[in-house]
Amino acid sequence: MPSEPAAPLATIAAALRRERERVGISLTELARRAGVAKSTLSQLESGTGNPSVETLWALGVALGVPFSRLVEPVDEGVRVIRAGDGPQVRSEQADFSGTLLSAGAAHLRRDVYLIRLEPGAVRAGHGHTPRSIEHVVVAAGRLRVGPAAAPVELDPGDYATFPGDAPHRYEALAPGTFAVLIMEHP
């Protein structure tokens, strides 16, 4: 008998199935729309895959849902996420990880993440759902962030906002960089 997938993999697996069925498309069609291998999607839906940030964003865009809808556990009342815990997803492109702290309800349209980055490769974000907006506050380190063509440099305590539905980037300029990212979705 197969073992149960570990959270957040079980959460991701259930969310992918739920959202794909809601849209009414096959595994093959979702894989095509997201530009991911059907075998990869099949593993994710069975809870055995290891998705990257980029893969989950592509699937969210293909399904027309925010990233958070694919990784947020079902709300069971009071929830505390201790530093270092929570549903963390890593990037394939850079030393970048995101931990969803809170997903907005449909009428709130906001998700809150804690992101950690290390100098090196740039985390390139493709456009998310139309009219998405990103808000970033640097907590430690230094960060170059914003539209791919015009990023800005931020120090601890600095804030920036930019369109999330166009290509954008995240690049750590100092070791131990972390920030709070708030995504707004229409």
Protein backbone atom coordinates (compact mmCIF):
# COMPACT_ATOMS: atom_id res chain seq x y z
CA MET A 1 0.00 0.00 0.00
CA PRO A 2 1.51 3.40 -0.98
CA SER A 3 2.24 5.82 1.83
CA GLU A 4 0.46 9.15 2.12
CA PRO A 5 2.31 12.07 0.51
CA ALA A 6 4.01 14.42 2.97
CA ALA A 7 2.65 17.95 3.37
CA PRO A 8 2.98 20.25 1.45
CA LEU A 9 3.08 17.61 -1.32
CA ALA A 10 -0.32 16.24 -0.27
CA THR A 11 -1.75 19.79 -0.30
CA ILE A 12 -0.29 20.45 -3.75
CA ALA A 13 -1.52 17.12 -5.11
CA ALA A 14 -5.09 17.67 -3.90
CA ALA A 15 -5.12 21.29 -5.11
CA LEU A 16 -3.89 20.40 -8.60
CA ARG A 17 -6.55 17.70 -9.00
CA ARG A 18 -9.26 19.99 -7.61
CA GLU A 19 -8.35 22.95 -9.83
CA ARG A 20 -7.82 20.84 -12.97
CA GLU A 21 -11.22 19.22 -12.48
CA ARG A 22 -12.80 22.62 -11.79
CA VAL A 23 -11.49 23.88 -15.14
CA GLY A 24 -12.57 20.61 -16.79
CA ILE A 25 -9.34 19.72 -18.57
CA SER A 26 -7.29 16.56 -18.80
CA LEU A 27 -3.87 15.96 -17.33
CA THR A 28 -2.46 16.09 -20.86
CA GLU A 29 -4.11 19.43 -21.63
CA LEU A 30 -2.96 21.05 -18.38
CA ALA A 31 0.59 19.83 -18.98
CA ARG A 32 0.49 21.32 -22.50
CA ARG A 33 -0.89 24.68 -21.31
CA ALA A 34 1.67 24.94 -18.50
CA GLY A 35 4.60 23.73 -20.59
CA VAL A 36 5.46 20.90 -18.20
CA ALA A 37 5.89 17.20 -18.91
CA LYS A 38 2.76 15.10 -18.45
CA SER A 39 4.80 12.67 -16.33
CA THR A 40 5.83 15.55 -14.04
CA LEU A 41 2.21 16.64 -13.63
CA SER A 42 1.12 13.06 -12.99
CA GLN A 43 3.75 12.75 -10.23
CA LEU A 44 2.61 16.05 -8.69
CA GLU A 45 -1.03 14.97 -8.66
CA SER A 46 -0.06 11.69 -6.99
CA GLY A 47 1.98 13.57 -4.36
CA THR A 48 5.30 12.04 -5.37
CA GLY A 49 6.83 14.92 -7.35
CA ASN A 50 9.10 17.69 -6.11
CA PRO A 51 7.76 20.88 -7.72
CA SER A 52 9.77 24.05 -8.16
CA VAL A 53 8.40 27.56 -7.79
CA GLU A 54 8.54 27.92 -11.59
CA THR A 55 6.51 24.74 -12.20
CA LEU A 56 3.82 25.72 -9.70
CA TRP A 57 3.58 29.27 -11.10
CA ALA A 58 3.20 27.86 -14.64
CA LEU A 59 0.46 25.50 -13.45
CA GLY A 60 -1.31 28.29 -11.56
CA VAL A 61 -1.28 30.54 -14.64
CA ALA A 62 -2.54 27.69 -16.83
CA LEU A 63 -5.37 27.04 -14.34
CA GLY A 64 -6.12 30.75 -13.87
CA VAL A 65 -5.46 30.64 -10.11
CA PRO A 66 -2.88 32.28 -7.84
CA PHE A 67 0.15 30.23 -6.78
CA SER A 68 -1.18 30.22 -3.22
CA ARG A 69 -4.24 28.19 -4.17
CA LEU A 70 -1.90 25.32 -5.03
CA VAL A 71 0.11 25.31 -1.79
CA GLU A 72 -2.17 26.69 0.95
CA PRO A 73 -3.37 24.04 3.43
CA VAL A 74 -7.06 23.97 4.32
CA ASP A 75 -7.78 26.58 7.02
CA GLU A 76 -8.45 24.97 10.38
CA GLY A 77 -8.73 28.07 12.60
CA VAL A 78 -5.70 29.57 14.37
CA ARG A 79 -2.49 28.80 12.53
CA VAL A 80 1.04 29.61 13.63
CA ILE A 81 4.00 29.20 11.32
CA ARG A 82 7.27 29.13 13.23
CA ALA A 83 10.40 30.54 11.61
CA GLY A 84 11.80 27.88 9.28
CA ASP A 85 8.52 25.93 9.09
CA GLY A 86 5.66 26.18 6.63
CA PRO A 87 5.08 25.03 3.05
CA GLN A 88 8.38 26.00 1.43
CA VAL A 89 8.96 25.77 -2.33
CA ARG A 90 12.39 26.24 -3.92
CA SER A 91 13.33 27.77 -7.28
CA GLU A 92 15.09 25.90 -10.11
CA GLN A 93 16.77 29.15 -11.23
CA ALA A 94 18.39 30.57 -8.10
CA ASP A 95 18.98 30.04 -4.39
CA PHE A 96 15.44 31.28 -3.70
CA SER A 97 12.66 29.79 -1.64
CA GLY A 98 9.18 31.00 -0.79
CA THR A 99 7.07 30.11 2.22
CA LEU A 100 3.40 30.95 1.94
CA LEU A 101 2.35 32.53 5.22
CA SER A 102 -1.25 33.41 4.33
CA ALA A 103 -3.43 33.16 1.26
CA GLY A 104 -6.16 35.73 0.84
CA ALA A 105 -9.76 34.65 0.72
CA ALA A 106 -11.46 35.23 -2.62
CA HIS A 107 -12.74 38.64 -1.53
CA LEU A 108 -9.36 39.72 -0.02
CA ARG A 109 -7.19 38.82 -3.03
CA ARG A 110 -3.83 38.85 -1.26
CA ASP A 111 -1.21 36.27 -0.33
CA VAL A 112 1.68 36.83 2.08
CA TYR A 113 5.05 35.06 1.64
CA LEU A 114 8.38 35.08 3.39
CA ILE A 115 11.11 34.72 0.76
CA ARG A 116 14.76 33.84 1.32
CA LEU A 117 17.45 34.43 -1.29
CA GLU A 118 21.21 34.07 -1.57
CA PRO A 119 23.52 35.87 -4.01
CA GLY A 120 24.17 34.12 -7.30
CA ALA A 121 21.58 33.37 -9.95
CA VAL A 122 18.61 35.62 -10.60
CA ARG A 123 15.07 34.32 -9.96
CA ALA A 124 13.22 35.36 -13.11
CA GLY A 125 9.45 35.59 -12.73
CA HIS A 126 7.26 35.28 -15.76
CA GLY A 127 3.96 37.11 -15.75
CA HIS A 128 1.42 35.75 -13.29
CA THR A 129 -2.35 36.10 -13.54
CA PRO A 130 -3.47 39.35 -15.25
CA ARG A 131 -3.47 42.49 -13.06
CA SER A 132 -1.39 40.82 -10.30
CA ILE A 133 0.66 43.26 -8.21
CA GLU A 134 3.67 42.40 -6.04
CA HIS A 135 4.66 44.30 -2.87
CA VAL A 136 8.07 43.63 -1.32
CA VAL A 137 9.56 44.75 2.01
CA VAL A 138 13.18 43.75 2.67
CA ALA A 139 13.76 42.47 6.21
CA ALA A 140 17.50 41.66 5.95
CA GLY A 141 20.24 41.79 3.33
CA ARG A 142 19.92 43.64 0.03
CA LEU A 143 17.67 42.88 -2.92
CA ARG A 144 17.43 43.88 -6.58
CA VAL A 145 13.78 43.40 -7.55
CA GLY A 146 11.10 44.59 -9.94
CA PRO A 147 10.32 44.65 -13.64
CA ALA A 148 12.90 42.73 -15.67
CA ALA A 149 13.81 45.88 -17.63
CA ALA A 150 13.98 48.26 -14.64
CA PRO A 151 14.69 46.56 -11.30
CA VAL A 152 15.42 48.62 -8.18
CA GLU A 153 17.82 47.98 -5.29
CA LEU A 154 16.36 47.72 -1.79
CA ASP A 155 17.96 47.74 1.66
CA PRO A 156 16.39 46.52 4.94
CA GLY A 157 13.12 48.34 5.58
CA ASP A 158 12.74 49.46 1.94
CA TYR A 159 9.48 48.77 0.10
CA ALA A 160 8.73 48.42 -3.62
CA THR A 161 5.67 47.50 -5.63
CA PHE A 162 5.45 46.48 -9.29
CA PRO A 163 3.21 44.63 -11.77
CA GLY A 164 3.32 40.89 -11.22
CA ASP A 165 1.73 40.08 -14.57
CA ALA A 166 4.84 41.10 -16.56
CA PRO A 167 8.35 39.60 -16.47
CA HIS A 168 10.15 40.52 -13.26
CA ARG A 169 13.17 39.45 -11.21
CA TYR A 170 14.50 38.81 -7.72
CA GLU A 171 18.23 38.93 -7.02
CA ALA A 172 19.96 38.82 -3.62
CA LEU A 173 22.84 41.29 -3.35
CA ALA A 174 23.94 40.14 0.13
CA PRO A 175 24.01 36.80 1.95
CA GLY A 176 21.03 36.03 4.19
CA THR A 177 18.59 38.21 2.26
CA PHE A 178 14.96 37.74 3.17
CA ALA A 179 11.84 39.76 2.53
CA VAL A 180 8.09 39.77 2.89
CA LEU A 181 6.27 39.46 -0.44
CA ILE A 182 2.58 40.33 -0.70
CA MET A 183 0.84 39.28 -3.92
CA GLU A 184 -2.45 40.88 -4.91
CA HIS A 185 -4.67 39.09 -7.42
CA PRO A 186 -7.79 40.39 -9.14
